Amino acid sequence: MRIVRNMAAASLMIVVCASGAAGQDRSKVGITMGYPASVGIIWHLGDKVAIRPELSFSGNSSESTTPSANAVASESEGWTLGTGISALFYLHDYDRVRTYFSPHFTYNKIKTTISSTNGVFDASSTGRSSTYGIAGNFGAEGRIADKFSAFGEVGFGYNHSTTSTTSSSVRSDGDAWGTRAGVGVIFYF
């Protein structure tokens, strides 16, 4: 009987001590929400490295009518699906704020359909576009509470896009570059 009590007491001590030690460690996984609009996950691989995949989605639709003898009605609808991933390399800790450098890669797929009619002729066209981008960012993450952080980052990026439409065989390519910025929050598990 005494052995059972001692085992129960030892088990209870291990559980209490282990839960107290777990509360002192930093959380390794969290959910991110940021602007530009995206939601993702952050996963700390160690003290100095984390990865942050993200996903974004948007849609739009519009209708218009031209009031005239040859009235033209047109409708447009489209969607955008975007993905991205960042690798965060932490540089230095300042109390509850950590600075980092982050290479960032994004890929977006866009589809737009436009239909118009004037009562005699109907026309429809579908445009498809894909964009990929790379950027280098400098950021800071501040821990506001044990399970809640906020971050902000600035950097320089490059995007390449390719667009084609079903109504013509024209394909266009474009490049853009410039500064970028983002902010967000993290809820750690």
Protein backbone atom coordinates (compact mmCIF):
# COMPACT_ATOMS: atom_id res chain seq x y z
CA MET A 1 0.00 0.00 0.00
CA ARG A 2 2.82 2.34 0.87
CA ILE A 3 4.47 1.71 -2.52
CA VAL A 4 1.24 2.70 -4.33
CA ARG A 5 1.06 5.98 -2.36
CA ASN A 6 4.72 6.76 -3.11
CA MET A 7 4.22 6.00 -6.82
CA ALA A 8 1.09 8.17 -6.90
CA ALA A 9 2.94 11.02 -5.15
CA ALA A 10 5.92 10.70 -7.51
CA SER A 11 3.60 10.66 -10.55
CA LEU A 12 1.79 13.76 -9.29
CA MET A 13 5.12 15.57 -8.75
CA ILE A 14 6.27 14.72 -12.28
CA VAL A 15 3.01 16.01 -13.79
CA VAL A 16 3.10 19.25 -11.75
CA CYS A 17 6.78 19.93 -12.48
CA ALA A 18 6.44 19.09 -16.17
CA SER A 19 3.43 21.39 -16.67
CA GLY A 20 5.27 24.23 -14.91
CA ALA A 21 8.33 23.78 -17.12
CA ALA A 22 6.18 23.66 -20.26
CA GLY A 23 4.68 27.05 -19.38
CA GLN A 24 8.14 28.61 -19.42
CA ASP A 25 9.06 27.54 -22.96
CA ARG A 26 8.19 29.63 -25.99
CA SER A 27 5.43 28.21 -28.15
CA LYS A 28 6.71 26.72 -31.40
CA VAL A 29 3.54 26.94 -33.56
CA GLY A 30 1.04 29.73 -34.10
CA ILE A 31 -1.60 31.09 -36.45
CA THR A 32 -0.77 34.32 -38.30
CA MET A 33 -3.08 36.96 -39.72
CA GLY A 34 -1.52 39.77 -41.68
CA TYR A 35 -1.86 42.67 -44.06
CA PRO A 36 -1.62 42.43 -47.02
CA ALA A 37 -4.56 40.10 -46.37
CA SER A 38 -3.34 36.60 -45.61
CA VAL A 39 -3.67 33.87 -43.02
CA GLY A 40 -0.99 31.33 -42.24
CA ILE A 41 1.03 29.38 -39.74
CA ILE A 42 4.36 30.11 -38.13
CA TRP A 43 6.52 27.21 -37.06
CA HIS A 44 9.72 27.81 -35.07
CA LEU A 45 12.26 25.18 -36.10
CA GLY A 46 14.68 26.43 -33.41
CA ASP A 47 15.62 29.58 -31.50
CA LYS A 48 16.95 31.34 -34.62
CA VAL A 49 14.84 29.99 -37.53
CA ALA A 50 11.12 29.83 -38.33
CA ILE A 51 9.01 29.24 -41.45
CA ARG A 52 5.75 31.05 -42.17
CA PRO A 53 3.54 29.67 -45.00
CA GLU A 54 0.47 31.76 -45.87
CA LEU A 55 -2.69 31.66 -47.99
CA SER A 56 -4.95 34.39 -49.38
CA PHE A 57 -8.17 34.30 -51.37
CA SER A 58 -10.42 37.02 -52.83
CA GLY A 59 -13.26 37.29 -55.31
CA ASN A 60 -15.12 40.05 -57.13
CA SER A 61 -18.12 40.60 -59.35
CA SER A 62 -19.72 43.58 -61.07
CA GLU A 63 -22.56 44.43 -63.47
CA SER A 64 -23.04 47.49 -65.62
CA THR A 65 -25.56 48.73 -68.21
CA THR A 66 -25.09 51.58 -70.66
CA PRO A 67 -28.36 53.55 -70.98
CA SER A 68 -28.69 54.25 -74.72
CA ALA A 69 -30.47 53.01 -77.84
CA ASN A 70 -27.78 50.33 -78.22
CA ALA A 71 -27.77 49.39 -74.56
CA VAL A 72 -24.83 47.23 -73.58
CA ALA A 73 -24.94 45.07 -70.47
CA SER A 74 -21.76 43.57 -69.12
CA GLU A 75 -20.89 41.32 -66.20
CA SER A 76 -17.51 40.59 -64.71
CA GLU A 77 -16.46 38.09 -62.09
CA GLY A 78 -13.14 36.81 -60.91
CA TRP A 79 -11.08 35.31 -58.14
CA THR A 80 -7.53 35.38 -56.87
CA LEU A 81 -5.78 32.60 -54.96
CA GLY A 82 -2.40 33.37 -53.45
CA THR A 83 0.20 31.39 -51.55
CA GLY A 84 3.47 32.39 -50.00
CA ILE A 85 6.22 31.25 -47.70
CA SER A 86 8.80 33.10 -45.63
CA ALA A 87 11.84 31.85 -43.78
CA LEU A 88 12.57 33.97 -40.70
CA PHE A 89 16.17 34.19 -39.51
CA TYR A 90 16.17 35.86 -36.10
CA LEU A 91 19.01 38.33 -35.59
CA HIS A 92 18.76 39.69 -32.05
CA ASP A 93 16.50 39.73 -28.97
CA TYR A 94 15.66 43.03 -27.26
CA ASP A 95 13.66 42.15 -24.13
CA ARG A 96 10.31 41.04 -25.69
CA VAL A 97 11.15 42.13 -29.27
CA ARG A 98 13.05 40.00 -31.80
CA THR A 99 14.41 41.31 -35.11
CA TYR A 100 14.69 39.09 -38.16
CA PHE A 101 15.62 38.93 -41.84
CA SER A 102 13.18 37.09 -44.08
CA PRO A 103 13.37 35.97 -47.71
CA HIS A 104 9.78 35.72 -49.00
CA PHE A 105 8.30 33.88 -52.02
CA THR A 106 4.72 34.33 -53.34
CA TYR A 107 2.61 32.83 -56.12
CA ASN A 108 -0.84 34.12 -57.19
CA LYS A 109 -3.33 32.70 -59.67
CA ILE A 110 -6.02 35.06 -61.03
CA LYS A 111 -9.03 34.29 -63.24
CA THR A 112 -11.44 36.89 -64.62
CA THR A 113 -14.48 36.30 -66.86
CA ILE A 114 -16.16 39.19 -68.72
CA SER A 115 -19.46 38.80 -70.60
CA SER A 116 -21.28 41.52 -72.53
CA THR A 117 -24.35 41.75 -74.73
CA ASN A 118 -26.23 44.47 -76.60
CA GLY A 119 -29.29 42.34 -77.43
CA VAL A 120 -27.86 41.24 -80.77
CA PHE A 121 -24.27 40.19 -80.10
CA ASP A 122 -22.92 38.30 -77.12
CA ALA A 123 -19.24 38.28 -76.23
CA SER A 124 -17.34 36.52 -73.52
CA SER A 125 -13.69 36.49 -72.56
CA THR A 126 -11.74 34.75 -69.81
CA GLY A 127 -8.43 36.08 -68.63
CA ARG A 128 -5.93 34.06 -66.67
CA SER A 129 -2.92 35.48 -64.92
CA SER A 130 -0.19 34.07 -62.72
CA THR A 131 2.28 36.08 -60.70
CA TYR A 132 5.28 35.02 -58.70
CA GLY A 133 7.38 37.24 -56.53
CA ILE A 134 10.46 37.24 -54.34
CA ALA A 135 11.35 39.73 -51.64
CA GLY A 136 13.80 40.33 -48.86
CA ASN A 137 12.36 41.80 -45.65
CA PHE A 138 13.62 43.12 -42.35
CA GLY A 139 11.14 42.78 -39.51
CA ALA A 140 10.49 42.81 -35.79
CA GLU A 141 8.20 40.59 -33.73
CA GLY A 142 7.05 41.84 -30.35
CA ARG A 143 5.59 39.46 -27.79
CA ILE A 144 2.64 41.28 -26.21
CA ALA A 145 1.54 38.32 -24.05
CA ASP A 146 2.66 34.69 -23.66
CA LYS A 147 0.45 33.51 -26.54
CA PHE A 148 0.11 36.73 -28.59
CA SER A 149 2.65 38.64 -30.74
CA ALA A 150 2.56 41.40 -33.34
CA PHE A 151 5.01 41.85 -36.20
CA GLY A 152 5.91 44.42 -38.82
CA GLU A 153 8.29 44.22 -41.75
CA VAL A 154 9.64 46.29 -44.63
CA GLY A 155 11.61 45.20 -47.64
CA PHE A 156 12.22 45.22 -51.37
CA GLY A 157 10.61 42.81 -53.82
CA TYR A 158 10.30 41.74 -57.46
CA ASN A 159 7.20 40.31 -59.21
CA HIS A 160 6.79 38.68 -62.64
CA SER A 161 3.34 38.17 -64.16
CA THR A 162 2.01 36.34 -67.22
CA THR A 163 -1.48 37.05 -68.61
CA SER A 164 -3.48 35.42 -71.40
CA THR A 165 -7.10 35.63 -72.62
CA THR A 166 -9.39 33.18 -74.42
CA SER A 167 -10.63 35.84 -76.87
CA SER A 168 -7.19 36.34 -78.42
CA SER A 169 -3.88 34.58 -78.69
CA VAL A 170 -2.12 37.52 -77.08
CA ARG A 171 0.03 36.70 -74.07
CA SER A 172 1.66 39.42 -72.03
CA ASP A 173 4.48 39.31 -69.52
CA GLY A 174 5.30 42.02 -67.02
CA ASP A 175 7.80 42.78 -64.30
CA ALA A 176 7.46 45.01 -61.26
CA TRP A 177 9.72 45.84 -58.35
CA GLY A 178 9.62 48.14 -55.38
CA THR A 179 9.35 48.47 -51.66
CA ARG A 180 6.90 46.43 -49.64
CA ALA A 181 5.59 46.43 -46.09
CA GLY A 182 3.44 44.18 -43.97
CA VAL A 183 2.02 43.90 -40.47
CA GLY A 184 0.28 41.12 -38.62
CA VAL A 185 -0.47 39.26 -35.42
CA ILE A 186 0.37 35.77 -34.21
CA PHE A 187 -1.69 33.61 -31.84
CA TYR A 188 0.56 30.88 -30.43
CA PHE A 189 -0.79 27.50 -29.29
